[in-house]
Amino acid sequence: AELWHRVGWRDRIVPNEEIKCKGCSSNKQCTYQLVECTKE
């Protein structure tokens, strides 16, 4: 969480539960809209 904040991937140091990776899935919102695009 500290590293993600430092490099600019988060605007603050987020709680552990928020930074924890839950993996990619077809239900996850993608920053690049690729999940939606591949479905389309």
PDB file of all heavy atoms in Angstrom:
ATOM      1  N   ALA A   1       0.833  -1.206   0.000  1.00  0.00           N
ATOM      2  CA  ALA A   1       0.000   0.000   0.000  1.00  0.00           C
ATOM      3  C   ALA A   1       0.867   1.256   0.000  1.00  0.00           C
ATOM      4  O   ALA A   1       0.568   2.234  -0.705  1.00  0.00           O
ATOM      5  CB  ALA A   1      -0.941  -0.008   1.202  1.00  0.00           C
ATOM      6  N   GLU A   2       1.944   1.232   0.770  1.00  0.00           N
ATOM      7  CA  GLU A   2       2.867   2.375   0.789  1.00  0.00           C
ATOM      8  C   GLU A   2       3.541   2.560  -0.577  1.00  0.00           C
ATOM      9  O   GLU A   2       3.660   3.686  -1.073  1.00  0.00           O
ATOM     10  CB  GLU A   2       3.939   2.177   1.866  1.00  0.00           C
ATOM     11  CG  GLU A   2       3.415   2.317   3.270  1.00  0.00           C
ATOM     12  CD  GLU A   2       4.461   1.991   4.330  1.00  0.00           C
ATOM     13  OE1 GLU A   2       5.407   1.207   4.053  1.00  0.00           O
ATOM     14  OE2 GLU A   2       4.335   2.532   5.444  1.00  0.00           O
ATOM     15  N   LEU A   3       3.972   1.458  -1.183  1.00  0.00           N
ATOM     16  CA  LEU A   3       4.628   1.516  -2.484  1.00  0.00           C
ATOM     17  C   LEU A   3       3.665   2.011  -3.561  1.00  0.00           C
ATOM     18  O   LEU A   3       4.012   2.870  -4.373  1.00  0.00           O
ATOM     19  CB  LEU A   3       5.188   0.137  -2.848  1.00  0.00           C
ATOM     20  CG  LEU A   3       5.906   0.012  -4.194  1.00  0.00           C
ATOM     21  CD1 LEU A   3       7.101   0.968  -4.271  1.00  0.00           C
ATOM     22  CD2 LEU A   3       6.336  -1.431  -4.429  1.00  0.00           C
ATOM     23  N   TRP A   4       2.452   1.514  -3.559  1.00  0.00           N
ATOM     24  CA  TRP A   4       1.455   1.924  -4.563  1.00  0.00           C
ATOM     25  C   TRP A   4       1.179   3.431  -4.447  1.00  0.00           C
ATOM     26  O   TRP A   4       1.008   4.112  -5.446  1.00  0.00           O
ATOM     27  CB  TRP A   4       0.169   1.127  -4.389  1.00  0.00           C
ATOM     28  CG  TRP A   4      -0.020  -0.048  -5.305  1.00  0.00           C
ATOM     29  CD1 TRP A   4      -1.158  -0.344  -5.993  1.00  0.00           C
ATOM     30  CD2 TRP A   4       0.901  -1.103  -5.627  1.00  0.00           C
ATOM     31  NE1 TRP A   4      -0.989  -1.502  -6.725  1.00  0.00           N
ATOM     32  CE2 TRP A   4       0.273  -1.982  -6.510  1.00  0.00           C
ATOM     33  CE3 TRP A   4       2.218  -1.372  -5.243  1.00  0.00           C
ATOM     34  CZ2 TRP A   4       0.895  -3.115  -7.033  1.00  0.00           C
ATOM     35  CZ3 TRP A   4       2.844  -2.506  -5.752  1.00  0.00           C
ATOM     36  CH2 TRP A   4       2.179  -3.351  -6.643  1.00  0.00           C
ATOM     37  N   HIS A   5       1.142   3.924  -3.234  1.00  0.00           N
ATOM     38  CA  HIS A   5       0.951   5.362  -3.018  1.00  0.00           C
ATOM     39  C   HIS A   5       2.158   6.148  -3.540  1.00  0.00           C
ATOM     40  O   HIS A   5       2.006   7.145  -4.245  1.00  0.00           O
ATOM     41  CB  HIS A   5       0.715   5.655  -1.537  1.00  0.00           C
ATOM     42  CG  HIS A   5       0.672   7.102  -1.206  1.00  0.00           C
ATOM     43  ND1 HIS A   5      -0.300   7.956  -1.692  1.00  0.00           N
ATOM     44  CD2 HIS A   5       1.494   7.862  -0.456  1.00  0.00           C
ATOM     45  CE1 HIS A   5      -0.065   9.174  -1.244  1.00  0.00           C
ATOM     46  NE2 HIS A   5       1.022   9.142  -0.498  1.00  0.00           N
ATOM     47  N   ARG A   6       3.342   5.681  -3.225  1.00  0.00           N
ATOM     48  CA  ARG A   6       4.565   6.381  -3.634  1.00  0.00           C
ATOM     49  C   ARG A   6       4.692   6.479  -5.154  1.00  0.00           C
ATOM     50  O   ARG A   6       5.117   7.493  -5.685  1.00  0.00           O
ATOM     51  CB  ARG A   6       5.787   5.682  -3.032  1.00  0.00           C
ATOM     52  CG  ARG A   6       7.049   6.484  -3.199  1.00  0.00           C
ATOM     53  CD  ARG A   6       8.233   6.000  -2.359  1.00  0.00           C
ATOM     54  NE  ARG A   6       8.065   4.765  -1.641  1.00  0.00           N
ATOM     55  CZ  ARG A   6       8.739   3.633  -1.904  1.00  0.00           C
ATOM     56  NH1 ARG A   6       9.640   3.591  -2.855  1.00  0.00           N
ATOM     57  NH2 ARG A   6       8.526   2.549  -1.181  1.00  0.00           N
ATOM     58  N   VAL A   7       4.325   5.418  -5.873  1.00  0.00           N
ATOM     59  CA  VAL A   7       4.462   5.451  -7.329  1.00  0.00           C
ATOM     60  C   VAL A   7       3.271   6.106  -8.021  1.00  0.00           C
ATOM     61  O   VAL A   7       3.326   6.373  -9.212  1.00  0.00           O
ATOM     62  CB  VAL A   7       4.748   4.059  -7.931  1.00  0.00           C
ATOM     63  CG1 VAL A   7       6.026   3.483  -7.378  1.00  0.00           C
ATOM     64  CG2 VAL A   7       3.597   3.113  -7.753  1.00  0.00           C
ATOM     65  N   GLY A   8       2.199   6.363  -7.271  1.00  0.00           N
ATOM     66  CA  GLY A   8       1.056   7.067  -7.848  1.00  0.00           C
ATOM     67  C   GLY A   8      -0.098   6.187  -8.291  1.00  0.00           C
ATOM     68  O   GLY A   8      -1.012   6.652  -8.970  1.00  0.00           O
ATOM     69  N   TRP A   9      -0.091   4.923  -7.909  1.00  0.00           N
ATOM     70  CA  TRP A   9      -1.194   4.041  -8.258  1.00  0.00           C
ATOM     71  C   TRP A   9      -2.366   4.175  -7.294  1.00  0.00           C
ATOM     72  O   TRP A   9      -3.450   3.674  -7.561  1.00  0.00           O
ATOM     73  CB  TRP A   9      -0.727   2.587  -8.331  1.00  0.00           C
ATOM     74  CG  TRP A   9       0.195   2.346  -9.503  1.00  0.00           C
ATOM     75  CD1 TRP A   9       0.200   3.022 -10.693  1.00  0.00           C
ATOM     76  CD2 TRP A   9       1.226   1.379  -9.601  1.00  0.00           C
ATOM     77  NE1 TRP A   9       1.169   2.531 -11.514  1.00  0.00           N
ATOM     78  CE2 TRP A   9       1.824   1.516 -10.870  1.00  0.00           C
ATOM     79  CE3 TRP A   9       1.712   0.410  -8.733  1.00  0.00           C
ATOM     80  CZ2 TRP A   9       2.872   0.715 -11.303  1.00  0.00           C
ATOM     81  CZ3 TRP A   9       2.764  -0.388  -9.169  1.00  0.00           C
ATOM     82  CH2 TRP A   9       3.330  -0.236 -10.437  1.00  0.00           C
ATOM     83  N   ARG A  10      -2.149   4.848  -6.178  1.00  0.00           N
ATOM     84  CA  ARG A  10      -3.205   5.189  -5.220  1.00  0.00           C
ATOM     85  C   ARG A  10      -2.950   6.614  -4.750  1.00  0.00           C
ATOM     86  O   ARG A  10      -1.809   7.054  -4.673  1.00  0.00           O
ATOM     87  CB  ARG A  10      -3.198   4.248  -4.000  1.00  0.00           C
ATOM     88  CG  ARG A  10      -3.537   2.807  -4.296  1.00  0.00           C
ATOM     89  CD  ARG A  10      -5.000   2.656  -4.695  1.00  0.00           C
ATOM     90  NE  ARG A  10      -5.420   1.281  -4.824  1.00  0.00           N
ATOM     91  CZ  ARG A  10      -5.244   0.517  -5.897  1.00  0.00           C
ATOM     92  NH1 ARG A  10      -4.598   0.990  -6.936  1.00  0.00           N
ATOM     93  NH2 ARG A  10      -5.682  -0.720  -5.934  1.00  0.00           N
ATOM     94  N   ASP A  11      -4.012   7.316  -4.413  1.00  0.00           N
ATOM     95  CA  ASP A  11      -3.868   8.709  -3.971  1.00  0.00           C
ATOM     96  C   ASP A  11      -3.572   8.816  -2.479  1.00  0.00           C
ATOM     97  O   ASP A  11      -3.375   9.913  -1.962  1.00  0.00           O
ATOM     98  CB  ASP A  11      -5.102   9.527  -4.345  1.00  0.00           C
ATOM     99  CG  ASP A  11      -6.378   9.028  -3.691  1.00  0.00           C
ATOM    100  OD1 ASP A  11      -6.349   7.996  -2.984  1.00  0.00           O
ATOM    101  OD2 ASP A  11      -7.416   9.671  -3.893  1.00  0.00           O
ATOM    102  N   ARG A  12      -3.550   7.678  -1.793  1.00  0.00           N
ATOM    103  CA  ARG A  12      -3.259   7.631  -0.361  1.00  0.00           C
ATOM    104  C   ARG A  12      -2.836   6.204  -0.025  1.00  0.00           C
ATOM    105  O   ARG A  12      -2.971   5.308  -0.855  1.00  0.00           O
ATOM    106  CB  ARG A  12      -4.476   8.027   0.458  1.00  0.00           C
ATOM    107  CG  ARG A  12      -5.666   7.128   0.232  1.00  0.00           C
ATOM    108  CD  ARG A  12      -6.941   7.604   0.922  1.00  0.00           C
ATOM    109  NE  ARG A  12      -8.121   6.969   0.443  1.00  0.00           N
ATOM    110  CZ  ARG A  12      -8.459   5.690   0.586  1.00  0.00           C
ATOM    111  NH1 ARG A  12      -7.667   4.866   1.218  1.00  0.00           N
ATOM    112  NH2 ARG A  12      -9.588   5.220   0.112  1.00  0.00           N
ATOM    113  N   ILE A  13      -2.338   6.008   1.180  1.00  0.00           N
ATOM    114  CA  ILE A  13      -2.032   4.642   1.629  1.00  0.00           C
ATOM    115  C   ILE A  13      -3.357   4.016   2.046  1.00  0.00           C
ATOM    116  O   ILE A  13      -3.970   4.445   3.023  1.00  0.00           O
ATOM    117  CB  ILE A  13      -1.014   4.646   2.781  1.00  0.00           C
ATOM    118  CG1 ILE A  13       0.309   5.270   2.298  1.00  0.00           C
ATOM    119  CG2 ILE A  13      -0.790   3.225   3.305  1.00  0.00           C
ATOM    120  CD1 ILE A  13       1.330   5.483   3.392  1.00  0.00           C
ATOM    121  N   VAL A  14      -3.791   3.043   1.278  1.00  0.00           N
ATOM    122  CA  VAL A  14      -5.107   2.439   1.507  1.00  0.00           C
ATOM    123  C   VAL A  14      -5.016   1.316   2.536  1.00  0.00           C
ATOM    124  O   VAL A  14      -3.928   0.770   2.783  1.00  0.00           O
ATOM    125  CB  VAL A  14      -5.712   1.902   0.185  1.00  0.00           C
ATOM    126  CG1 VAL A  14      -5.926   3.031  -0.809  1.00  0.00           C
ATOM    127  CG2 VAL A  14      -4.853   0.804  -0.409  1.00  0.00           C
ATOM    128  N   PRO A  15      -6.153   0.955   3.141  1.00  0.00           N
ATOM    129  CA  PRO A  15      -6.163  -0.155   4.107  1.00  0.00           C
ATOM    130  C   PRO A  15      -5.765  -1.475   3.441  1.00  0.00           C
ATOM    131  O   PRO A  15      -5.943  -1.653   2.229  1.00  0.00           O
ATOM    132  CB  PRO A  15      -7.621  -0.212   4.573  1.00  0.00           C
ATOM    133  CG  PRO A  15      -8.227   1.086   4.174  1.00  0.00           C
ATOM    134  CD  PRO A  15      -7.464   1.588   3.001  1.00  0.00           C
ATOM    135  N   ASN A  16      -5.252  -2.382   4.233  1.00  0.00           N
ATOM    136  CA  ASN A  16      -4.817  -3.679   3.720  1.00  0.00           C
ATOM    137  C   ASN A  16      -5.909  -4.403   2.948  1.00  0.00           C
ATOM    138  O   ASN A  16      -5.638  -5.027   1.927  1.00  0.00           O
ATOM    139  CB  ASN A  16      -4.308  -4.559   4.861  1.00  0.00           C
ATOM    140  CG  ASN A  16      -2.950  -4.108   5.354  1.00  0.00           C
ATOM    141  OD1 ASN A  16      -2.337  -3.198   4.804  1.00  0.00           O
ATOM    142  ND2 ASN A  16      -2.471  -4.747   6.410  1.00  0.00           N
ATOM    143  N   GLU A  17      -7.122  -4.336   3.436  1.00  0.00           N
ATOM    144  CA  GLU A  17      -8.211  -5.041   2.759  1.00  0.00           C
ATOM    145  C   GLU A  17      -8.433  -4.494   1.350  1.00  0.00           C
ATOM    146  O   GLU A  17      -8.767  -5.239   0.429  1.00  0.00           O
ATOM    147  CB  GLU A  17      -9.515  -4.946   3.577  1.00  0.00           C
ATOM    148  CG  GLU A  17     -10.637  -5.808   3.051  1.00  0.00           C
ATOM    149  CD  GLU A  17     -10.274  -7.284   2.848  1.00  0.00           C
ATOM    150  OE1 GLU A  17      -9.558  -7.867   3.688  1.00  0.00           O
ATOM    151  OE2 GLU A  17     -10.718  -7.862   1.841  1.00  0.00           O
ATOM    152  N   GLU A  18      -8.210  -3.213   1.173  1.00  0.00           N
ATOM    153  CA  GLU A  18      -8.387  -2.604  -0.152  1.00  0.00           C
ATOM    154  C   GLU A  18      -7.234  -2.940  -1.095  1.00  0.00           C
ATOM    155  O   GLU A  18      -7.444  -3.119  -2.295  1.00  0.00           O
ATOM    156  CB  GLU A  18      -8.512  -1.086  -0.023  1.00  0.00           C
ATOM    157  CG  GLU A  18      -8.831  -0.401  -1.334  1.00  0.00           C
ATOM    158  CD  GLU A  18      -9.058   1.088  -1.176  1.00  0.00           C
ATOM    159  OE1 GLU A  18      -9.546   1.522  -0.106  1.00  0.00           O
ATOM    160  OE2 GLU A  18      -8.753   1.818  -2.132  1.00  0.00           O
ATOM    161  N   ILE A  19      -6.016  -3.059  -0.583  1.00  0.00           N
ATOM    162  CA  ILE A  19      -4.857  -3.320  -1.443  1.00  0.00           C
ATOM    163  C   ILE A  19      -4.716  -4.812  -1.744  1.00  0.00           C
ATOM    164  O   ILE A  19      -4.102  -5.199  -2.734  1.00  0.00           O
ATOM    165  CB  ILE A  19      -3.551  -2.748  -0.836  1.00  0.00           C
ATOM    166  CG1 ILE A  19      -2.492  -2.542  -1.936  1.00  0.00           C
ATOM    167  CG2 ILE A  19      -3.002  -3.634   0.266  1.00  0.00           C
ATOM    168  CD1 ILE A  19      -2.767  -1.435  -2.873  1.00  0.00           C
ATOM    169  N   LYS A  20      -5.308  -5.657  -0.934  1.00  0.00           N
ATOM    170  CA  LYS A  20      -5.192  -7.106  -1.116  1.00  0.00           C
ATOM    171  C   LYS A  20      -5.690  -7.506  -2.504  1.00  0.00           C
ATOM    172  O   LYS A  20      -6.752  -7.098  -2.938  1.00  0.00           O
ATOM    173  CB  LYS A  20      -6.008  -7.825  -0.038  1.00  0.00           C
ATOM    174  CG  LYS A  20      -5.829  -9.304  -0.028  1.00  0.00           C
ATOM    175  CD  LYS A  20      -6.572  -9.911   1.146  1.00  0.00           C
ATOM    176  CE  LYS A  20      -6.278 -11.384   1.235  1.00  0.00           C
ATOM    177  NZ  LYS A  20      -6.931 -11.981   2.389  1.00  0.00           N
ATOM    178  N   CYS A  21      -4.893  -8.303  -3.197  1.00  0.00           N
ATOM    179  CA  CYS A  21      -5.257  -8.747  -4.545  1.00  0.00           C
ATOM    180  C   CYS A  21      -6.311  -9.844  -4.454  1.00  0.00           C
ATOM    181  O   CYS A  21      -6.118 -10.853  -3.790  1.00  0.00           O
ATOM    182  CB  CYS A  21      -4.021  -9.273  -5.282  1.00  0.00           C
ATOM    183  SG  CYS A  21      -4.408  -9.872  -6.939  1.00  0.00           S
ATOM    184  N   LYS A  22      -7.390  -9.609  -5.156  1.00  0.00           N
ATOM    185  CA  LYS A  22      -8.457 -10.605  -5.213  1.00  0.00           C
ATOM    186  C   LYS A  22      -8.503 -11.250  -6.587  1.00  0.00           C
ATOM    187  O   LYS A  22      -9.414 -11.987  -6.915  1.00  0.00           O
ATOM    188  CB  LYS A  22      -9.783  -9.960  -4.843  1.00  0.00           C
ATOM    189  CG  LYS A  22      -9.803  -9.465  -3.403  1.00  0.00           C
ATOM    190  CD  LYS A  22     -11.054  -8.670  -3.105  1.00  0.00           C
ATOM    191  CE  LYS A  22     -11.093  -8.173  -1.686  1.00  0.00           C
ATOM    192  NZ  LYS A  22     -10.173  -7.115  -1.364  1.00  0.00           N
ATOM    193  N   GLY A  23      -7.504 -10.917  -7.410  1.00  0.00           N
ATOM    194  CA  GLY A  23      -7.402 -11.502  -8.742  1.00  0.00           C
ATOM    195  C   GLY A  23      -8.313 -10.827  -9.747  1.00  0.00           C
ATOM    196  O   GLY A  23      -9.236 -10.104  -9.388  1.00  0.00           O
ATOM    197  N   CYS A  24      -8.014 -11.057 -10.995  1.00  0.00           N
ATOM    198  CA  CYS A  24      -8.849 -10.519 -12.073  1.00  0.00           C
ATOM    199  C   CYS A  24     -10.017 -11.464 -12.296  1.00  0.00           C
ATOM    200  O   CYS A  24      -9.895 -12.663 -12.134  1.00  0.00           O
ATOM    201  CB  CYS A  24      -8.043 -10.409 -13.369  1.00  0.00           C
ATOM    202  SG  CYS A  24      -6.777  -9.132 -13.315  1.00  0.00           S
ATOM    203  N   SER A  25     -11.134 -10.902 -12.629  1.00  0.00           N
ATOM    204  CA  SER A  25     -12.296 -11.709 -12.974  1.00  0.00           C
ATOM    205  C   SER A  25     -13.166 -10.911 -13.929  1.00  0.00           C
ATOM    206  O   SER A  25     -12.983  -9.710 -14.107  1.00  0.00           O
ATOM    207  CB  SER A  25     -13.095 -12.075 -11.717  1.00  0.00           C
ATOM    208  OG  SER A  25     -13.800 -10.942 -11.251  1.00  0.00           O
ATOM    209  N   SER A  26     -14.117 -11.586 -14.521  1.00  0.00           N
ATOM    210  CA  SER A  26     -15.001 -10.911 -15.472  1.00  0.00           C
ATOM    211  C   SER A  26     -15.922  -9.914 -14.764  1.00  0.00           C
ATOM    212  O   SER A  26     -16.553  -9.100 -15.415  1.00  0.00           O
ATOM    213  CB  SER A  26     -15.823 -11.934 -16.243  1.00  0.00           C
ATOM    214  OG  SER A  26     -16.585 -12.705 -15.339  1.00  0.00           O
ATOM    215  N   ASN A  27     -15.986  -9.967 -13.440  1.00  0.00           N
ATOM    216  CA  ASN A  27     -16.827  -9.036 -12.687  1.00  0.00           C
ATOM    217  C   ASN A  27     -16.068  -7.811 -12.193  1.00  0.00           C
ATOM    218  O   ASN A  27     -16.657  -6.878 -11.690  1.00  0.00           O
ATOM    219  CB  ASN A  27     -17.450  -9.747 -11.482  1.00  0.00           C
ATOM    220  CG  ASN A  27     -18.288 -10.919 -11.901  1.00  0.00           C
ATOM    221  OD1 ASN A  27     -19.017 -10.841 -12.868  1.00  0.00           O
ATOM    222  ND2 ASN A  27     -18.168 -12.017 -11.187  1.00  0.00           N
ATOM    223  N   LYS A  28     -14.742  -7.852 -12.313  1.00  0.00           N
ATOM    224  CA  LYS A  28     -13.913  -6.764 -11.798  1.00  0.00           C
ATOM    225  C   LYS A  28     -13.878  -5.611 -12.806  1.00  0.00           C
ATOM    226  O   LYS A  28     -13.743  -5.824 -14.002  1.00  0.00           O
ATOM    227  CB  LYS A  28     -12.494  -7.286 -11.554  1.00  0.00           C
ATOM    228  CG  LYS A  28     -11.570  -6.256 -10.962  1.00  0.00           C
ATOM    229  CD  LYS A  28     -10.201  -6.851 -10.725  1.00  0.00           C
ATOM    230  CE  LYS A  28      -9.274  -5.799 -10.170  1.00  0.00           C
ATOM    231  NZ  LYS A  28      -7.933  -6.311  -9.983  1.00  0.00           N
ATOM    232  N   GLN A  29     -13.978  -4.399 -12.296  1.00  0.00           N
ATOM    233  CA  GLN A  29     -13.855  -3.236 -13.159  1.00  0.00           C
ATOM    234  C   GLN A  29     -12.387  -3.049 -13.507  1.00  0.00           C
ATOM    235  O   GLN A  29     -11.520  -3.059 -12.646  1.00  0.00           O
ATOM    236  CB  GLN A  29     -14.394  -1.980 -12.472  1.00  0.00           C
ATOM    237  CG  GLN A  29     -14.388  -0.788 -13.394  1.00  0.00           C
ATOM    238  CD  GLN A  29     -14.989   0.438 -12.740  1.00  0.00           C
ATOM    239  OE1 GLN A  29     -15.336   0.428 -11.568  1.00  0.00           O
ATOM    240  NE2 GLN A  29     -15.123   1.491 -13.509  1.00  0.00           N
ATOM    241  N   CYS A  30     -12.107  -2.871 -14.775  1.00  0.00           N
ATOM    242  CA  CYS A  30     -10.739  -2.730 -15.267  1.00  0.00           C
ATOM    243  C   CYS A  30     -10.462  -1.262 -15.571  1.00  0.00           C
ATOM    244  O   CYS A  30     -11.247  -0.607 -16.254  1.00  0.00           O
ATOM    245  CB  CYS A  30     -10.570  -3.571 -16.532  1.00  0.00           C
ATOM    246  SG  CYS A  30      -9.000  -3.374 -17.373  1.00  0.00           S
ATOM    247  N   THR A  31      -9.351  -0.756 -15.068  1.00  0.00           N
ATOM    248  CA  THR A  31      -8.941   0.628 -15.306  1.00  0.00           C
ATOM    249  C   THR A  31      -8.869   0.937 -16.796  1.00  0.00           C
ATOM    250  O   THR A  31      -9.143   2.044 -17.224  1.00  0.00           O
ATOM    251  CB  THR A  31      -7.553   0.877 -14.681  1.00  0.00           C
ATOM    252  OG1 THR A  31      -7.607   0.522 -13.315  1.00  0.00           O
ATOM    253  CG2 THR A  31      -7.119   2.307 -14.816  1.00  0.00           C
ATOM    254  N   TYR A  32      -8.487  -0.053 -17.579  1.00  0.00           N
ATOM    255  CA  TYR A  32      -8.308   0.144 -19.014  1.00  0.00           C
ATOM    256  C   TYR A  32      -9.530  -0.287 -19.828  1.00  0.00           C
ATOM    257  O   TYR A  32      -9.489  -0.292 -21.044  1.00  0.00           O
ATOM    258  CB  TYR A  32      -7.078  -0.640 -19.489  1.00  0.00           C
ATOM    259  CG  TYR A  32      -5.829  -0.321 -18.716  1.00  0.00           C
ATOM    260  CD1 TYR A  32      -5.230  -1.274 -17.910  1.00  0.00           C
ATOM    261  CD2 TYR A  32      -5.233   0.932 -18.793  1.00  0.00           C
ATOM    262  CE1 TYR A  32      -4.069  -0.988 -17.205  1.00  0.00           C
ATOM    263  CE2 TYR A  32      -4.082   1.224 -18.087  1.00  0.00           C
ATOM    264  CZ  TYR A  32      -3.501   0.262 -17.298  1.00  0.00           C
ATOM    265  OH  TYR A  32      -2.354   0.547 -16.603  1.00  0.00           O
ATOM    266  N   GLN A  33     -10.596  -0.720 -19.170  1.00  0.00           N
ATOM    267  CA  GLN A  33     -11.822  -1.216 -19.802  1.00  0.00           C
ATOM    268  C   GLN A  33     -11.590  -2.467 -20.659  1.00  0.00           C
ATOM    269  O   GLN A  33     -12.331  -2.738 -21.603  1.00  0.00           O
ATOM    270  CB  GLN A  33     -12.523  -0.135 -20.652  1.00  0.00           C
ATOM    271  CG  GLN A  33     -13.122   1.015 -19.876  1.00  0.00           C
ATOM    272  CD  GLN A  33     -12.090   2.099 -19.568  1.00  0.00           C
ATOM    273  OE1 GLN A  33     -11.271   2.429 -20.413  1.00  0.00           O
ATOM    274  NE2 GLN A  33     -12.135   2.631 -18.369  1.00  0.00           N
ATOM    275  N   LEU A  34     -10.562  -3.237 -20.336  1.00  0.00           N
ATOM    276  CA  LEU A  34     -10.240  -4.415 -21.135  1.00  0.00           C
ATOM    277  C   LEU A  34     -11.165  -5.589 -20.835  1.00  0.00           C
ATOM    278  O   LEU A  34     -11.468  -6.377 -21.731  1.00  0.00           O
ATOM    279  CB  LEU A  34      -8.783  -4.823 -20.926  1.00  0.00           C
ATOM    280  CG  LEU A  34      -7.742  -3.775 -21.333  1.00  0.00           C
ATOM    281  CD1 LEU A  34      -6.337  -4.291 -21.074  1.00  0.00           C
ATOM    282  CD2 LEU A  34      -7.912  -3.349 -22.776  1.00  0.00           C
ATOM    283  N   VAL A  35     -11.603  -5.721 -19.598  1.00  0.00           N
ATOM    284  CA  VAL A  35     -12.525  -6.813 -19.252  1.00  0.00           C
ATOM    285  C   VAL A  35     -13.806  -6.656 -20.064  1.00  0.00           C
ATOM    286  O   VAL A  35     -14.273  -7.598 -20.718  1.00  0.00           O
ATOM    287  CB  VAL A  35     -12.833  -6.835 -17.735  1.00  0.00           C
ATOM    288  CG1 VAL A  35     -13.940  -7.822 -17.416  1.00  0.00           C
ATOM    289  CG2 VAL A  35     -11.577  -7.170 -16.947  1.00  0.00           C
ATOM    290  N   GLU A  36     -14.334  -5.440 -20.064  1.00  0.00           N
ATOM    291  CA  GLU A  36     -15.562  -5.175 -20.808  1.00  0.00           C
ATOM    292  C   GLU A  36     -15.339  -5.356 -22.315  1.00  0.00           C
ATOM    293  O   GLU A  36     -16.180  -5.899 -23.027  1.00  0.00           O
ATOM    294  CB  GLU A  36     -16.044  -3.735 -20.538  1.00  0.00           C
ATOM    295  CG  GLU A  36     -16.361  -3.437 -19.081  1.00  0.00           C
ATOM    296  CD  GLU A  36     -15.156  -3.047 -18.221  1.00  0.00           C
ATOM    297  OE1 GLU A  36     -13.997  -3.090 -18.689  1.00  0.00           O
ATOM    298  OE2 GLU A  36     -15.387  -2.696 -17.043  1.00  0.00           O
ATOM    299  N   CYS A  37     -14.189  -4.919 -22.793  1.00  0.00           N
ATOM    300  CA  CYS A  37     -13.881  -4.974 -24.218  1.00  0.00           C
ATOM    301  C   CYS A  37     -13.752  -6.416 -24.713  1.00  0.00           C
ATOM    302  O   CYS A  37     -14.253  -6.753 -25.787  1.00  0.00           O
ATOM    303  CB  CYS A  37     -12.606  -4.183 -24.498  1.00  0.00           C
ATOM    304  SG  CYS A  37     -12.292  -3.880 -26.250  1.00  0.00           S
ATOM    305  N   THR A  38     -13.075  -7.261 -23.942  1.00  0.00           N
ATOM    306  CA  THR A  38     -12.940  -8.657 -24.377  1.00  0.00           C
ATOM    307  C   THR A  38     -14.300  -9.349 -24.409  1.00  0.00           C
ATOM    308  O   THR A  38     -14.564 -10.147 -25.304  1.00  0.00           O
ATOM    309  CB  THR A  38     -11.956  -9.449 -23.480  1.00  0.00           C
ATOM    310  OG1 THR A  38     -12.349  -9.324 -22.113  1.00  0.00           O
ATOM    311  CG2 THR A  38     -10.529  -8.988 -23.670  1.00  0.00           C
ATOM    312  N   LYS A  39     -15.159  -9.013 -23.449  1.00  0.00           N
ATOM    313  CA  LYS A  39     -16.526  -9.567 -23.465  1.00  0.00           C
ATOM    314  C   LYS A  39     -17.248  -9.121 -24.736  1.00  0.00           C
ATOM    315  O   LYS A  39     -17.881  -9.925 -25.422  1.00  0.00           O
ATOM    316  CB  LYS A  39     -17.323  -9.080 -22.251  1.00  0.00           C
ATOM    317  CG  LYS A  39     -17.041  -9.783 -20.973  1.00  0.00           C
ATOM    318  CD  LYS A  39     -17.981  -9.241 -19.903  1.00  0.00           C
ATOM    319  CE  LYS A  39     -17.585  -9.639 -18.533  1.00  0.00           C
ATOM    320  NZ  LYS A  39     -18.450  -9.042 -17.500  1.00  0.00           N
ATOM    321  N   GLU A  40     -17.146  -7.834 -25.017  1.00  0.00           N
ATOM    322  CA  GLU A  40     -17.798  -7.233 -26.182  1.00  0.00           C
ATOM    323  C   GLU A  40     -17.335  -7.886 -27.487  1.00  0.00           C
ATOM    324  O   GLU A  40     -18.124  -8.079 -28.409  1.00  0.00           O
ATOM    325  CB  GLU A  40     -17.437  -5.745 -26.209  1.00  0.00           C
ATOM    326  CG  GLU A  40     -18.383  -4.856 -26.928  1.00  0.00           C
ATOM    327  CD  GLU A  40     -17.950  -3.404 -26.749  1.00  0.00           C
ATOM    328  OE1 GLU A  40     -18.183  -2.840 -25.653  1.00  0.00           O
ATOM    329  OE2 GLU A  40     -17.367  -2.859 -27.705  1.00  0.00           O
TER     330      GLU A  40
END
